[in-house]
Amino acid sequence: MLDRQKVQINRKVLLTKIKRLRDRISSWCKTNGYENMGNDKEHRSDDGEIIWKQSDWEYVDDTHKQIINNKNYKPYPATLKKMNKLWKKYNVH
């Protein structure tokens, strides 16, 4: 397992890539419909109805804001892997 302290990440490059991912998700939604965007997290009622959700775009945007507002924030490797999966998921041909 990677130690977060040992991983050196260029914040400017990371922010640029996250912004590109956010724009890519928006472009995908314009083509495929916003209602077809996936959710990173969701909570359902006992009836199965979604009562709270965080979309993939909101997840990426929240991560972007966290990096901007907290100079000490270093994303976990799992976060970066998740971003890579989202990049592949929201491919617009």
PDB file of N, CA and C in Angstrom:
ATOM      1  N   MET A   1       0.841  -1.172   0.000  1.00  0.00           N
ATOM      2  CA  MET A   1       0.000   0.000   0.000  1.00  0.00           C
ATOM      3  C   MET A   1       0.889   1.239   0.000  1.00  0.00           C
ATOM      4  N   LEU A   2       0.479   2.252  -0.765  1.00  0.00           N
ATOM      5  CA  LEU A   2       1.251   3.482  -0.847  1.00  0.00           C
ATOM      6  C   LEU A   2       1.013   4.366   0.366  1.00  0.00           C
ATOM      7  N   ASP A   3       2.059   4.961   0.831  1.00  0.00           N
ATOM      8  CA  ASP A   3       1.947   5.905   1.939  1.00  0.00           C
ATOM      9  C   ASP A   3       1.683   7.290   1.358  1.00  0.00           C
ATOM     10  N   ARG A   4       0.632   7.937   1.819  1.00  0.00           N
ATOM     11  CA  ARG A   4       0.264   9.249   1.278  1.00  0.00           C
ATOM     12  C   ARG A   4       1.381  10.264   1.436  1.00  0.00           C
ATOM     13  N   GLN A   5       2.194  10.156   2.450  1.00  0.00           N
ATOM     14  CA  GLN A   5       3.259  11.128   2.680  1.00  0.00           C
ATOM     15  C   GLN A   5       4.384  10.983   1.659  1.00  0.00           C
ATOM     16  N   LYS A   6       4.570   9.793   1.120  1.00  0.00           N
ATOM     17  CA  LYS A   6       5.666   9.552   0.190  1.00  0.00           C
ATOM     18  C   LYS A   6       5.314   9.911  -1.240  1.00  0.00           C
ATOM     19  N   VAL A   7       4.054  10.005  -1.570  1.00  0.00           N
ATOM     20  CA  VAL A   7       3.626  10.305  -2.927  1.00  0.00           C
ATOM     21  C   VAL A   7       3.696  11.812  -3.139  1.00  0.00           C
ATOM     22  N   GLN A   8       4.494  12.222  -4.099  1.00  0.00           N
ATOM     23  CA  GLN A   8       4.618  13.636  -4.435  1.00  0.00           C
ATOM     24  C   GLN A   8       3.731  13.936  -5.637  1.00  0.00           C
ATOM     25  N   ILE A   9       2.825  14.858  -5.468  1.00  0.00           N
ATOM     26  CA  ILE A   9       1.895  15.207  -6.533  1.00  0.00           C
ATOM     27  C   ILE A   9       2.007  16.699  -6.799  1.00  0.00           C
ATOM     28  N   ASN A  10       2.140  17.045  -8.056  1.00  0.00           N
ATOM     29  CA  ASN A  10       2.146  18.441  -8.445  1.00  0.00           C
ATOM     30  C   ASN A  10       0.707  18.947  -8.384  1.00  0.00           C
ATOM     31  N   ARG A  11       0.426  19.821  -7.445  1.00  0.00           N
ATOM     32  CA  ARG A  11      -0.944  20.291  -7.215  1.00  0.00           C
ATOM     33  C   ARG A  11      -1.538  20.970  -8.440  1.00  0.00           C
ATOM     34  N   LYS A  12      -0.741  21.766  -9.133  1.00  0.00           N
ATOM     35  CA  LYS A  12      -1.244  22.491 -10.303  1.00  0.00           C
ATOM     36  C   LYS A  12      -1.669  21.513 -11.401  1.00  0.00           C
ATOM     37  N   VAL A  13      -0.850  20.502 -11.647  1.00  0.00           N
ATOM     38  CA  VAL A  13      -1.181  19.489 -12.655  1.00  0.00           C
ATOM     39  C   VAL A  13      -2.428  18.718 -12.227  1.00  0.00           C
ATOM     40  N   LEU A  14      -2.487  18.334 -10.964  1.00  0.00           N
ATOM     41  CA  LEU A  14      -3.640  17.592 -10.455  1.00  0.00           C
ATOM     42  C   LEU A  14      -4.924  18.405 -10.596  1.00  0.00           C
ATOM     43  N   LEU A  15      -4.876  19.675 -10.234  1.00  0.00           N
ATOM     44  CA  LEU A  15      -6.064  20.531 -10.361  1.00  0.00           C
ATOM     45  C   LEU A  15      -6.500  20.668 -11.816  1.00  0.00           C
ATOM     46  N   THR A  16      -5.538  20.781 -12.711  1.00  0.00           N
ATOM     47  CA  THR A  16      -5.856  20.876 -14.135  1.00  0.00           C
ATOM     48  C   THR A  16      -6.542  19.606 -14.624  1.00  0.00           C
ATOM     49  N   LYS A  17      -6.026  18.469 -14.218  1.00  0.00           N
ATOM     50  CA  LYS A  17      -6.614  17.195 -14.650  1.00  0.00           C
ATOM     51  C   LYS A  17      -8.005  16.988 -14.060  1.00  0.00           C
ATOM     52  N   ILE A  18      -8.196  17.385 -12.823  1.00  0.00           N
ATOM     53  CA  ILE A  18      -9.519  17.238 -12.208  1.00  0.00           C
ATOM     54  C   ILE A  18     -10.527  18.158 -12.890  1.00  0.00           C
ATOM     55  N   LYS A  19     -10.100  19.365 -13.241  1.00  0.00           N
ATOM     56  CA  LYS A  19     -10.993  20.278 -13.959  1.00  0.00           C
ATOM     57  C   LYS A  19     -11.357  19.701 -15.329  1.00  0.00           C
ATOM     58  N   ARG A  20     -10.395  19.093 -15.997  1.00  0.00           N
ATOM     59  CA  ARG A  20     -10.672  18.455 -17.285  1.00  0.00           C
ATOM     60  C   ARG A  20     -11.667  17.307 -17.125  1.00  0.00           C
ATOM     61  N   LEU A  21     -11.552  16.554 -16.045  1.00  0.00           N
ATOM     62  CA  LEU A  21     -12.502  15.467 -15.784  1.00  0.00           C
ATOM     63  C   LEU A  21     -13.890  16.027 -15.540  1.00  0.00           C
ATOM     64  N   ARG A  22     -13.980  17.095 -14.775  1.00  0.00           N
ATOM     65  CA  ARG A  22     -15.275  17.729 -14.511  1.00  0.00           C
ATOM     66  C   ARG A  22     -15.910  18.201 -15.820  1.00  0.00           C
ATOM     67  N   ASP A  23     -15.110  18.814 -16.707  1.00  0.00           N
ATOM     68  CA  ASP A  23     -15.611  19.259 -18.008  1.00  0.00           C
ATOM     69  C   ASP A  23     -16.005  18.071 -18.894  1.00  0.00           C
ATOM     70  N   ARG A  24     -15.260  16.993 -18.790  1.00  0.00           N
ATOM     71  CA  ARG A  24     -15.551  15.796 -19.580  1.00  0.00           C
ATOM     72  C   ARG A  24     -16.887  15.190 -19.159  1.00  0.00           C
ATOM     73  N   ILE A  25     -17.143  15.150 -17.859  1.00  0.00           N
ATOM     74  CA  ILE A  25     -18.423  14.628 -17.379  1.00  0.00           C
ATOM     75  C   ILE A  25     -19.563  15.515 -17.877  1.00  0.00           C
ATOM     76  N   SER A  26     -19.371  16.833 -17.833  1.00  0.00           N
ATOM     77  CA  SER A  26     -20.400  17.757 -18.329  1.00  0.00           C
ATOM     78  C   SER A  26     -20.675  17.538 -19.811  1.00  0.00           C
ATOM     79  N   SER A  27     -19.625  17.366 -20.603  1.00  0.00           N
ATOM     80  CA  SER A  27     -19.796  17.116 -22.042  1.00  0.00           C
ATOM     81  C   SER A  27     -20.534  15.807 -22.287  1.00  0.00           C
ATOM     82  N   TRP A  28     -20.169  14.777 -21.528  1.00  0.00           N
ATOM     83  CA  TRP A  28     -20.838  13.486 -21.660  1.00  0.00           C
ATOM     84  C   TRP A  28     -22.330  13.629 -21.358  1.00  0.00           C
ATOM     85  N   CYS A  29     -22.641  14.400 -20.326  1.00  0.00           N
ATOM     86  CA  CYS A  29     -24.044  14.586 -19.934  1.00  0.00           C
ATOM     87  C   CYS A  29     -24.822  15.374 -20.978  1.00  0.00           C
ATOM     88  N   LYS A  30     -24.178  16.328 -21.630  1.00  0.00           N
ATOM     89  CA  LYS A  30     -24.857  17.074 -22.691  1.00  0.00           C
ATOM     90  C   LYS A  30     -25.261  16.144 -23.827  1.00  0.00           C
ATOM     91  N   THR A  31     -24.425  15.149 -24.095  1.00  0.00           N
ATOM     92  CA  THR A  31     -24.695  14.198 -25.173  1.00  0.00           C
ATOM     93  C   THR A  31     -25.666  13.105 -24.737  1.00  0.00           C
ATOM     94  N   ASN A  32     -25.476  12.580 -23.541  1.00  0.00           N
ATOM     95  CA  ASN A  32     -26.222  11.399 -23.090  1.00  0.00           C
ATOM     96  C   ASN A  32     -27.331  11.679 -22.088  1.00  0.00           C
ATOM     97  N   GLY A  33     -27.447  12.903 -21.633  1.00  0.00           N
ATOM     98  CA  GLY A  33     -28.484  13.274 -20.681  1.00  0.00           C
ATOM     99  C   GLY A  33     -27.971  13.277 -19.253  1.00  0.00           C
ATOM    100  N   TYR A  34     -28.281  14.338 -18.546  1.00  0.00           N
ATOM    101  CA  TYR A  34     -27.830  14.477 -17.161  1.00  0.00           C
ATOM    102  C   TYR A  34     -28.431  13.408 -16.254  1.00  0.00           C
ATOM    103  N   GLU A  35     -29.617  12.933 -16.600  1.00  0.00           N
ATOM    104  CA  GLU A  35     -30.260  11.906 -15.784  1.00  0.00           C
ATOM    105  C   GLU A  35     -29.532  10.561 -15.884  1.00  0.00           C
ATOM    106  N   ASN A  36     -28.647  10.423 -16.864  1.00  0.00           N
ATOM    107  CA  ASN A  36     -27.897   9.178 -17.049  1.00  0.00           C
ATOM    108  C   ASN A  36     -26.527   9.194 -16.365  1.00  0.00           C
ATOM    109  N   MET A  37     -26.188  10.311 -15.742  1.00  0.00           N
ATOM    110  CA  MET A  37     -24.925  10.389 -15.014  1.00  0.00           C
ATOM    111  C   MET A  37     -25.003   9.498 -13.783  1.00  0.00           C
ATOM    112  N   GLY A  38     -23.900   8.872 -13.459  1.00  0.00           N
ATOM    113  CA  GLY A  38     -23.852   7.994 -12.298  1.00  0.00           C
ATOM    114  C   GLY A  38     -23.753   8.762 -10.999  1.00  0.00           C
ATOM    115  N   ASN A  39     -24.005   8.056  -9.920  1.00  0.00           N
ATOM    116  CA  ASN A  39     -23.886   8.636  -8.587  1.00  0.00           C
ATOM    117  C   ASN A  39     -22.705   8.008  -7.873  1.00  0.00           C
ATOM    118  N   ASP A  40     -21.912   8.843  -7.237  1.00  0.00           N
ATOM    119  CA  ASP A  40     -20.810   8.347  -6.427  1.00  0.00           C
ATOM    120  C   ASP A  40     -21.348   7.715  -5.155  1.00  0.00           C
ATOM    121  N   LYS A  41     -22.303   8.405  -4.545  1.00  0.00           N
ATOM    122  CA  LYS A  41     -22.924   7.911  -3.311  1.00  0.00           C
ATOM    123  C   LYS A  41     -24.423   8.147  -3.408  1.00  0.00           C
ATOM    124  N   GLU A  42     -25.165   7.251  -2.784  1.00  0.00           N
ATOM    125  CA  GLU A  42     -26.612   7.461  -2.693  1.00  0.00           C
ATOM    126  C   GLU A  42     -27.155   6.714  -1.488  1.00  0.00           C
ATOM    127  N   HIS A  43     -28.203   7.268  -0.923  1.00  0.00           N
ATOM    128  CA  HIS A  43     -28.900   6.635   0.193  1.00  0.00           C
ATOM    129  C   HIS A  43     -30.348   6.441  -0.228  1.00  0.00           C
ATOM    130  N   ARG A  44     -30.858   5.281   0.071  1.00  0.00           N
ATOM    131  CA  ARG A  44     -32.230   4.945  -0.315  1.00  0.00           C
ATOM    132  C   ARG A  44     -33.103   4.741   0.914  1.00  0.00           C
ATOM    133  N   SER A  45     -34.391   5.014   0.720  1.00  0.00           N
ATOM    134  CA  SER A  45     -35.361   4.756   1.781  1.00  0.00           C
ATOM    135  C   SER A  45     -35.632   3.259   1.823  1.00  0.00           C
ATOM    136  N   ASP A  46     -36.416   2.836   2.787  1.00  0.00           N
ATOM    137  CA  ASP A  46     -36.784   1.425   2.885  1.00  0.00           C
ATOM    138  C   ASP A  46     -37.544   0.951   1.648  1.00  0.00           C
ATOM    139  N   ASP A  47     -38.192   1.888   0.945  1.00  0.00           N
ATOM    140  CA  ASP A  47     -38.937   1.560  -0.268  1.00  0.00           C
ATOM    141  C   ASP A  47     -38.039   1.490  -1.501  1.00  0.00           C
ATOM    142  N   GLY A  48     -36.763   1.833  -1.358  1.00  0.00           N
ATOM    143  CA  GLY A  48     -35.835   1.798  -2.485  1.00  0.00           C
ATOM    144  C   GLY A  48     -35.711   3.118  -3.220  1.00  0.00           C
ATOM    145  N   GLU A  49     -36.428   4.137  -2.763  1.00  0.00           N
ATOM    146  CA  GLU A  49     -36.369   5.446  -3.393  1.00  0.00           C
ATOM    147  C   GLU A  49     -35.102   6.174  -2.940  1.00  0.00           C
ATOM    148  N   ILE A  50     -34.417   6.816  -3.894  1.00  0.00           N
ATOM    149  CA  ILE A  50     -33.213   7.574  -3.550  1.00  0.00           C
ATOM    150  C   ILE A  50     -33.638   8.830  -2.789  1.00  0.00           C
ATOM    151  N   ILE A  51     -33.127   8.969  -1.576  1.00  0.00           N
ATOM    152  CA  ILE A  51     -33.466  10.144  -0.767  1.00  0.00           C
ATOM    153  C   ILE A  51     -32.306  11.135  -0.694  1.00  0.00           C
ATOM    154  N   TRP A  52     -31.108  10.693  -1.028  1.00  0.00           N
ATOM    155  CA  TRP A  52     -29.934  11.577  -1.086  1.00  0.00           C
ATOM    156  C   TRP A  52     -28.934  10.971  -2.040  1.00  0.00           C
ATOM    157  N   LYS A  53     -28.287  11.825  -2.825  1.00  0.00           N
ATOM    158  CA  LYS A  53     -27.267  11.328  -3.737  1.00  0.00           C
ATOM    159  C   LYS A  53     -26.189  12.379  -3.951  1.00  0.00           C
ATOM    160  N   GLN A  54     -25.016  11.895  -4.294  1.00  0.00           N
ATOM    161  CA  GLN A  54     -23.923  12.750  -4.723  1.00  0.00           C
ATOM    162  C   GLN A  54     -23.516  12.220  -6.092  1.00  0.00           C
ATOM    163  N   SER A  55     -23.704  13.041  -7.113  1.00  0.00           N
ATOM    164  CA  SER A  55     -23.380  12.604  -8.472  1.00  0.00           C
ATOM    165  C   SER A  55     -21.866  12.511  -8.647  1.00  0.00           C
ATOM    166  N   ASP A  56     -21.463  11.855  -9.725  1.00  0.00           N
ATOM    167  CA  ASP A  56     -20.036  11.765 -10.031  1.00  0.00           C
ATOM    168  C   ASP A  56     -19.445  13.155 -10.221  1.00  0.00           C
ATOM    169  N   TRP A  57     -20.180  14.043 -10.903  1.00  0.00           N
ATOM    170  CA  TRP A  57     -19.697  15.407 -11.119  1.00  0.00           C
ATOM    171  C   TRP A  57     -19.514  16.127  -9.786  1.00  0.00           C
ATOM    172  N   GLU A  58     -20.456  15.977  -8.868  1.00  0.00           N
ATOM    173  CA  GLU A  58     -20.343  16.612  -7.553  1.00  0.00           C
ATOM    174  C   GLU A  58     -19.140  16.073  -6.780  1.00  0.00           C
ATOM    175  N   TYR A  59     -18.883  14.781  -6.890  1.00  0.00           N
ATOM    176  CA  TYR A  59     -17.722  14.175  -6.233  1.00  0.00           C
ATOM    177  C   TYR A  59     -16.430  14.807  -6.751  1.00  0.00           C
ATOM    178  N   VAL A  60     -16.319  14.915  -8.073  1.00  0.00           N
ATOM    179  CA  VAL A  60     -15.117  15.489  -8.679  1.00  0.00           C
ATOM    180  C   VAL A  60     -14.992  16.961  -8.285  1.00  0.00           C
ATOM    181  N   ASP A  61     -16.087  17.697  -8.318  1.00  0.00           N
ATOM    182  CA  ASP A  61     -16.074  19.111  -7.948  1.00  0.00           C
ATOM    183  C   ASP A  61     -15.692  19.294  -6.477  1.00  0.00           C
ATOM    184  N   ASP A  62     -16.227  18.466  -5.605  1.00  0.00           N
ATOM    185  CA  ASP A  62     -15.882  18.550  -4.177  1.00  0.00           C
ATOM    186  C   ASP A  62     -14.397  18.265  -3.943  1.00  0.00           C
ATOM    187  N   THR A  63     -13.857  17.298  -4.674  1.00  0.00           N
ATOM    188  CA  THR A  63     -12.430  16.994  -4.552  1.00  0.00           C
ATOM    189  C   THR A  63     -11.598  18.170  -5.039  1.00  0.00           C
ATOM    190  N   HIS A  64     -12.008  18.782  -6.137  1.00  0.00           N
ATOM    191  CA  HIS A  64     -11.325  19.959  -6.684  1.00  0.00           C
ATOM    192  C   HIS A  64     -11.305  21.088  -5.654  1.00  0.00           C
ATOM    193  N   LYS A  65     -12.449  21.350  -5.048  1.00  0.00           N
ATOM    194  CA  LYS A  65     -12.536  22.406  -4.032  1.00  0.00           C
ATOM    195  C   LYS A  65     -11.673  22.084  -2.816  1.00  0.00           C
ATOM    196  N   GLN A  66     -11.637  20.825  -2.420  1.00  0.00           N
ATOM    197  CA  GLN A  66     -10.836  20.415  -1.261  1.00  0.00           C
ATOM    198  C   GLN A  66      -9.352  20.702  -1.506  1.00  0.00           C
ATOM    199  N   ILE A  67      -8.880  20.406  -2.711  1.00  0.00           N
ATOM    200  CA  ILE A  67      -7.474  20.633  -3.036  1.00  0.00           C
ATOM    201  C   ILE A  67      -7.160  22.126  -3.070  1.00  0.00           C
ATOM    202  N   ILE A  68      -8.076  22.920  -3.594  1.00  0.00           N
ATOM    203  CA  ILE A  68      -7.858  24.371  -3.662  1.00  0.00           C
ATOM    204  C   ILE A  68      -7.862  24.989  -2.266  1.00  0.00           C
ATOM    205  N   ASN A  69      -8.807  24.596  -1.438  1.00  0.00           N
ATOM    206  CA  ASN A  69      -9.002  25.252  -0.146  1.00  0.00           C
ATOM    207  C   ASN A  69      -8.117  24.725   0.975  1.00  0.00           C
ATOM    208  N   ASN A  70      -7.535  23.560   0.805  1.00  0.00           N
ATOM    209  CA  ASN A  70      -6.717  22.972   1.859  1.00  0.00           C
ATOM    210  C   ASN A  70      -5.346  22.620   1.283  1.00  0.00           C
ATOM    211  N   LYS A  71      -4.383  23.462   1.516  1.00  0.00           N
ATOM    212  CA  LYS A  71      -3.040  23.278   0.950  1.00  0.00           C
ATOM    213  C   LYS A  71      -2.365  22.006   1.453  1.00  0.00           C
ATOM    214  N   ASN A  72      -2.799  21.481   2.584  1.00  0.00           N
ATOM    215  CA  ASN A  72      -2.206  20.266   3.143  1.00  0.00           C
ATOM    216  C   ASN A  72      -2.886  18.993   2.673  1.00  0.00           C
ATOM    217  N   TYR A  73      -3.988  19.129   1.931  1.00  0.00           N
ATOM    218  CA  TYR A  73      -4.728  17.952   1.483  1.00  0.00           C
ATOM    219  C   TYR A  73      -3.921  17.182   0.444  1.00  0.00           C
ATOM    220  N   LYS A  74      -3.812  15.893   0.668  1.00  0.00           N
ATOM    221  CA  LYS A  74      -3.177  14.986  -0.287  1.00  0.00           C
ATOM    222  C   LYS A  74      -4.150  13.849  -0.531  1.00  0.00           C
ATOM    223  N   PRO A  75      -4.609  13.696  -1.778  1.00  0.00           N
ATOM    224  CA  PRO A  75      -5.591  12.644  -2.038  1.00  0.00           C
ATOM    225  C   PRO A  75      -4.998  11.251  -1.847  1.00  0.00           C
ATOM    226  N   TYR A  76      -5.830  10.361  -1.365  1.00  0.00           N
ATOM    227  CA  TYR A  76      -5.442   8.961  -1.229  1.00  0.00           C
ATOM    228  C   TYR A  76      -5.251   8.358  -2.619  1.00  0.00           C
ATOM    229  N   PRO A  77      -4.423   7.350  -2.749  1.00  0.00           N
ATOM    230  CA  PRO A  77      -4.290   6.665  -4.038  1.00  0.00           C
ATOM    231  C   PRO A  77      -5.630   6.138  -4.555  1.00  0.00           C
ATOM    232  N   ALA A  78      -6.515   5.709  -3.655  1.00  0.00           N
ATOM    233  CA  ALA A  78      -7.839   5.219  -4.075  1.00  0.00           C
ATOM    234  C   ALA A  78      -8.644   6.328  -4.751  1.00  0.00           C
ATOM    235  N   THR A  79      -8.469   7.555  -4.300  1.00  0.00           N
ATOM    236  CA  THR A  79      -9.164   8.689  -4.916  1.00  0.00           C
ATOM    237  C   THR A  79      -8.677   8.891  -6.341  1.00  0.00           C
ATOM    238  N   LEU A  80      -7.376   8.806  -6.533  1.00  0.00           N
ATOM    239  CA  LEU A  80      -6.809   8.983  -7.869  1.00  0.00           C
ATOM    240  C   LEU A  80      -7.235   7.844  -8.799  1.00  0.00           C
ATOM    241  N   LYS A  81      -7.310   6.635  -8.276  1.00  0.00           N
ATOM    242  CA  LYS A  81      -7.777   5.506  -9.075  1.00  0.00           C
ATOM    243  C   LYS A  81      -9.236   5.695  -9.478  1.00  0.00           C
ATOM    244  N   LYS A  82     -10.030   6.216  -8.551  1.00  0.00           N
ATOM    245  CA  LYS A  82     -11.444   6.468  -8.829  1.00  0.00           C
ATOM    246  C   LYS A  82     -11.588   7.514  -9.937  1.00  0.00           C
ATOM    247  N   MET A  83     -10.753   8.541  -9.885  1.00  0.00           N
ATOM    248  CA  MET A  83     -10.776   9.582 -10.922  1.00  0.00           C
ATOM    249  C   MET A  83     -10.423   8.978 -12.280  1.00  0.00           C
ATOM    250  N   ASN A  84      -9.456   8.058 -12.308  1.00  0.00           N
ATOM    251  CA  ASN A  84      -9.089   7.404 -13.568  1.00  0.00           C
ATOM    252  C   ASN A  84     -10.250   6.582 -14.112  1.00  0.00           C
ATOM    253  N   LYS A  85     -10.975   5.890 -13.240  1.00  0.00           N
ATOM    254  CA  LYS A  85     -12.144   5.116 -13.682  1.00  0.00           C
ATOM    255  C   LYS A  85     -13.229   6.032 -14.234  1.00  0.00           C
ATOM    256  N   LEU A  86     -13.432   7.168 -13.574  1.00  0.00           N
ATOM    257  CA  LEU A  86     -14.424   8.124 -14.063  1.00  0.00           C
ATOM    258  C   LEU A  86     -14.015   8.682 -15.423  1.00  0.00           C
ATOM    259  N   TRP A  87     -12.714   8.914 -15.606  1.00  0.00           N
ATOM    260  CA  TRP A  87     -12.219   9.423 -16.892  1.00  0.00           C
ATOM    261  C   TRP A  87     -12.589   8.443 -18.011  1.00  0.00           C
ATOM    262  N   LYS A  88     -12.422   7.161 -17.761  1.00  0.00           N
ATOM    263  CA  LYS A  88     -12.749   6.150 -18.760  1.00  0.00           C
ATOM    264  C   LYS A  88     -14.265   6.008 -18.950  1.00  0.00           C
ATOM    265  N   LYS A  89     -15.004   6.129 -17.852  1.00  0.00           N
ATOM    266  CA  LYS A  89     -16.464   5.966 -17.900  1.00  0.00           C
ATOM    267  C   LYS A  89     -17.125   7.058 -18.733  1.00  0.00           C
ATOM    268  N   TYR A  90     -16.639   8.273 -18.629  1.00  0.00           N
ATOM    269  CA  TYR A  90     -17.283   9.409 -19.300  1.00  0.00           C
ATOM    270  C   TYR A  90     -16.543   9.799 -20.577  1.00  0.00           C
ATOM    271  N   ASN A  91     -16.245   8.797 -21.390  1.00  0.00           N
ATOM    272  CA  ASN A  91     -15.572   9.022 -22.654  1.00  0.00           C
ATOM    273  C   ASN A  91     -16.583   9.468 -23.704  1.00  0.00           C
ATOM    274  N   VAL A  92     -16.320  10.597 -24.338  1.00  0.00           N
ATOM    275  CA  VAL A  92     -17.174  11.104 -25.419  1.00  0.00           C
ATOM    276  C   VAL A  92     -16.416  10.911 -26.710  1.00  0.00           C
ATOM    277  N   HIS A  93     -16.995  10.140 -27.621  1.00  0.00           N
ATOM    278  CA  HIS A  93     -16.300   9.847 -28.888  1.00  0.00           C
ATOM    279  C   HIS A  93     -16.423  10.992 -29.841  1.00  0.00           C
TER     280      HIS A  93
END
